[in-house]
């Protein structure tokens, strides 16, 4: 399969998002913060290396597709700390960028949300390299609308990134502090924030 065959569906999906955003009558900016919990890493002898929960911050731009749905572009960043081999303290910074479809289930001022997203995760290891991996996400959340323009939002979101476990992003000059445990990296976030429509 050549690159042109792969680019056609991606271009179509991006075009649909842009077309919906251009015709939307309402836009919304949301800012959220919380904690994110990631997968563990492993050492060269296959023992586990614990990765701590990191504070995350997310910024979203959404547009109202209809009364029960939104399109959204969401950026979410987290920094995980860990102590690798040779007691080397290090961090793994991850930035997720996702296109999301958001379903809204309304009960007056209280709204339950469900979202599915596709995009990528940019992994940047402090003592090593960096890689971009494809990822998907699913979330469940709530919105309490104080007015037509302002809402308190909560969200539980899980990210799954398809990684190459042989990538040496935790290595410098053939000395590695850690490696991925398997080919799927999972991050789960609990966040709370504010959404403002304009």
Protein backbone atom coordinates (compact mmCIF):
# COMPACT_ATOMS: atom_id res chain seq x y z
CA UNK A 1 0.00 0.00 0.00
CA UNK A 2 1.57 3.31 -1.06
CA UNK A 3 1.51 6.60 0.85
CA UNK A 4 -1.11 8.16 -1.48
CA UNK A 5 -3.56 5.36 -0.60
CA UNK A 6 -3.01 6.02 3.11
CA UNK A 7 -3.31 9.81 2.76
CA UNK A 8 -6.73 9.76 1.06
CA UNK A 9 -8.78 8.67 4.12
CA UNK A 10 -6.75 10.95 6.42
CA UNK A 11 -7.35 13.91 4.10
CA UNK A 12 -11.06 13.09 3.92
CA UNK A 13 -11.43 12.94 7.71
CA UNK A 14 -9.51 16.21 8.19
CA UNK A 15 -11.62 17.84 5.48
CA UNK A 16 -14.83 16.83 7.26
CA UNK A 17 -13.58 18.31 10.54
CA UNK A 18 -12.62 21.60 8.84
CA UNK A 19 -15.92 21.78 6.92
CA UNK A 20 -17.91 21.26 10.12
CA UNK A 21 -15.85 23.85 11.97
CA UNK A 22 -16.32 26.46 9.25
CA UNK A 23 -20.11 26.05 9.23
CA UNK A 24 -20.45 25.93 13.03
CA UNK A 25 -22.31 28.81 14.64
CA UNK A 26 -20.78 28.35 18.10
CA UNK A 27 -17.22 27.71 19.21
CA UNK A 28 -16.01 26.69 22.64
CA UNK A 29 -12.64 26.83 24.38
CA UNK A 30 -12.03 24.53 27.33
CA UNK A 31 -9.10 24.42 29.74
CA UNK A 32 -8.68 21.42 32.06
CA UNK A 33 -6.09 20.19 34.56
CA UNK A 34 -5.73 16.96 36.49
CA UNK A 35 -3.66 13.82 36.99
CA UNK A 36 -2.59 11.28 34.39
CA UNK A 37 -1.52 7.70 35.10
CA UNK A 38 0.72 5.88 32.61
CA UNK A 39 2.00 2.40 31.85
CA UNK A 40 5.15 1.10 33.51
CA UNK A 41 8.50 0.72 31.77
CA UNK A 42 10.97 -2.15 32.13
CA UNK A 43 14.71 -2.47 32.73
CA UNK A 44 17.11 -4.56 30.64
CA UNK A 45 16.58 -7.51 33.03
CA UNK A 46 12.78 -7.23 32.50
CA UNK A 47 12.06 -5.89 36.00
CA UNK A 48 9.38 -3.21 36.25
CA UNK A 49 10.21 0.49 36.40
CA UNK A 50 7.35 2.42 37.99
CA UNK A 51 6.21 5.58 36.22
CA UNK A 52 4.59 8.16 38.50
CA UNK A 53 1.32 9.93 37.90
CA UNK A 54 1.93 13.33 36.37
CA UNK A 55 -0.03 16.56 36.34
CA UNK A 56 -1.65 17.16 32.97
CA UNK A 57 -3.10 20.23 31.32
CA UNK A 58 -5.46 20.14 28.35
CA UNK A 59 -6.75 22.81 25.97
CA UNK A 60 -9.62 22.12 23.59
CA UNK A 61 -11.30 24.00 20.76
CA UNK A 62 -14.77 22.68 19.94
CA UNK A 63 -17.52 23.61 17.54
CA UNK A 64 -21.22 22.77 17.86
CA UNK A 65 -22.19 20.28 15.14
CA UNK A 66 -25.80 20.09 16.40
CA UNK A 67 -27.72 20.20 19.69
CA UNK A 68 -26.34 16.78 20.71
CA UNK A 69 -22.84 16.80 19.27
CA UNK A 70 -19.53 18.65 18.97
CA UNK A 71 -16.34 18.33 17.00
CA UNK A 72 -13.20 19.07 18.99
CA UNK A 73 -9.45 19.48 18.64
CA UNK A 74 -7.79 18.63 21.98
CA UNK A 75 -4.18 19.08 23.11
CA UNK A 76 -3.17 17.33 26.34
CA UNK A 77 0.31 17.41 27.90
CA UNK A 78 1.75 15.37 30.77
CA UNK A 79 5.19 14.80 32.29
CA UNK A 80 5.85 11.39 33.90
CA UNK A 81 8.87 10.92 36.20
CA UNK A 82 10.65 7.62 36.75
CA UNK A 83 13.93 6.26 38.11
CA UNK A 84 15.57 4.11 35.49
CA UNK A 85 18.58 1.82 35.48
CA UNK A 86 21.70 3.00 37.33
CA UNK A 87 19.32 5.09 39.54
CA UNK A 88 19.03 7.66 36.75
CA UNK A 89 16.12 9.99 37.47
CA UNK A 90 14.38 10.92 34.25
CA UNK A 91 11.11 12.12 32.79
CA UNK A 92 8.92 11.25 29.84
CA UNK A 93 6.95 14.18 28.43
CA UNK A 94 3.96 13.31 26.24
CA UNK A 95 1.83 15.70 24.19
CA UNK A 96 -1.38 14.28 22.70
CA UNK A 97 -3.14 16.00 19.77
CA UNK A 98 -6.53 14.49 18.89
CA UNK A 99 -9.58 15.15 16.71
CA UNK A 100 -12.62 14.14 18.78
CA UNK A 101 -16.30 13.58 18.19
CA UNK A 102 -18.27 14.45 21.34
CA UNK A 103 -21.81 13.19 22.06
CA UNK A 104 -23.89 15.29 24.49
CA UNK A 105 -26.69 13.74 26.56
CA UNK A 106 -28.65 16.64 28.06
CA UNK A 107 -30.72 16.84 31.24
CA UNK A 108 -31.45 20.57 31.57
CA UNK A 109 -28.22 22.22 32.88
CA UNK A 110 -26.47 18.90 33.46
CA UNK A 111 -24.87 17.18 30.45
CA UNK A 112 -23.20 13.77 30.24
CA UNK A 113 -20.53 13.51 27.52
CA UNK A 114 -18.88 10.68 25.62
CA UNK A 115 -16.01 11.25 23.22
CA UNK A 116 -13.94 9.22 20.76
CA UNK A 117 -10.71 10.61 19.34
CA UNK A 118 -7.91 9.86 16.89
CA UNK A 119 -4.55 11.53 16.57
CA UNK A 120 -0.99 11.21 17.76
CA UNK A 121 1.21 11.24 20.84
CA UNK A 122 4.59 13.01 20.82
CA UNK A 123 6.90 11.18 23.27
CA UNK A 124 9.99 13.07 24.47
CA UNK A 125 12.38 11.31 26.89
CA UNK A 126 14.63 13.56 28.98
CA UNK A 127 17.75 11.38 28.63
CA UNK A 128 17.14 10.03 25.16
CA UNK A 129 15.17 10.69 22.01
CA UNK A 130 11.70 11.55 20.80
CA UNK A 131 9.08 9.82 18.67
CA UNK A 132 5.59 10.46 17.31
CA UNK A 133 3.13 7.55 17.63
CA UNK A 134 -0.49 7.13 16.46
CA UNK A 135 -3.03 7.08 19.27
CA UNK A 136 -6.74 6.84 20.00
CA UNK A 137 -8.77 7.97 23.00
CA UNK A 138 -12.12 7.49 24.67
CA UNK A 139 -13.62 9.65 27.40
CA UNK A 140 -16.65 10.00 29.62
CA UNK A 141 -17.44 13.23 31.36
CA UNK A 142 -19.93 15.73 32.70
CA UNK A 143 -20.78 19.36 32.13
CA UNK A 144 -22.66 21.62 34.47
CA UNK A 145 -23.79 24.71 32.55
CA UNK A 146 -23.90 27.79 34.80
CA UNK A 147 -25.13 29.86 31.86
CA UNK A 148 -25.42 29.64 28.08
CA UNK A 149 -21.70 30.44 27.79
CA UNK A 150 -19.90 28.93 30.80
CA UNK A 151 -19.74 25.31 32.00
CA UNK A 152 -17.83 23.35 34.62
CA UNK A 153 -16.45 20.22 32.94
CA UNK A 154 -15.08 16.96 34.32
CA UNK A 155 -13.56 14.16 32.29
CA UNK A 156 -12.13 10.67 32.56
CA UNK A 157 -10.09 9.98 29.40
CA UNK A 158 -7.97 7.00 28.35
CA UNK A 159 -5.30 7.20 25.62
CA UNK A 160 -3.88 4.17 23.81
CA UNK A 161 -0.72 4.75 21.73
CA UNK A 162 0.65 2.18 19.31
CA UNK A 163 4.41 2.24 19.92
CA UNK A 164 7.44 0.37 18.65
CA UNK A 165 8.80 -1.35 21.76
CA UNK A 166 12.21 -1.59 20.10
CA UNK A 167 12.54 2.21 19.82
CA UNK A 168 15.49 3.42 21.84
CA UNK A 169 14.09 6.75 23.00
CA UNK A 170 15.38 6.10 26.55
CA UNK A 171 18.94 5.55 25.32
CA UNK A 172 22.00 7.78 24.99
CA UNK A 173 25.10 6.40 23.25
CA UNK A 174 23.88 2.82 23.68
CA UNK A 175 23.27 3.27 27.42
CA UNK A 176 19.56 2.84 28.15
CA UNK A 177 17.74 3.84 31.33
CA UNK A 178 14.52 1.98 30.39
CA UNK A 179 12.49 0.52 27.57
CA UNK A 180 8.82 0.05 26.71
CA UNK A 181 7.13 -3.00 28.19
CA UNK A 182 5.00 -3.78 25.12
CA UNK A 183 3.64 -2.21 21.94
CA UNK A 184 0.70 -0.40 23.59
CA UNK A 185 1.18 2.58 25.90
CA UNK A 186 -1.85 3.46 28.04
CA UNK A 187 -2.41 6.81 29.77
CA UNK A 188 -5.55 7.56 31.77
CA UNK A 189 -6.43 11.07 32.95
CA UNK A 190 -8.85 12.54 35.47
CA UNK A 191 -9.41 16.23 34.70
CA UNK A 192 -11.60 19.16 35.70
CA UNK A 193 -11.89 22.57 34.09
CA UNK A 194 -13.96 25.34 32.53
CA UNK A 195 -15.51 25.61 29.05
CA UNK A 196 -16.44 28.98 27.56
CA UNK A 197 -18.58 29.44 24.41
CA UNK A 198 -18.23 32.44 22.13
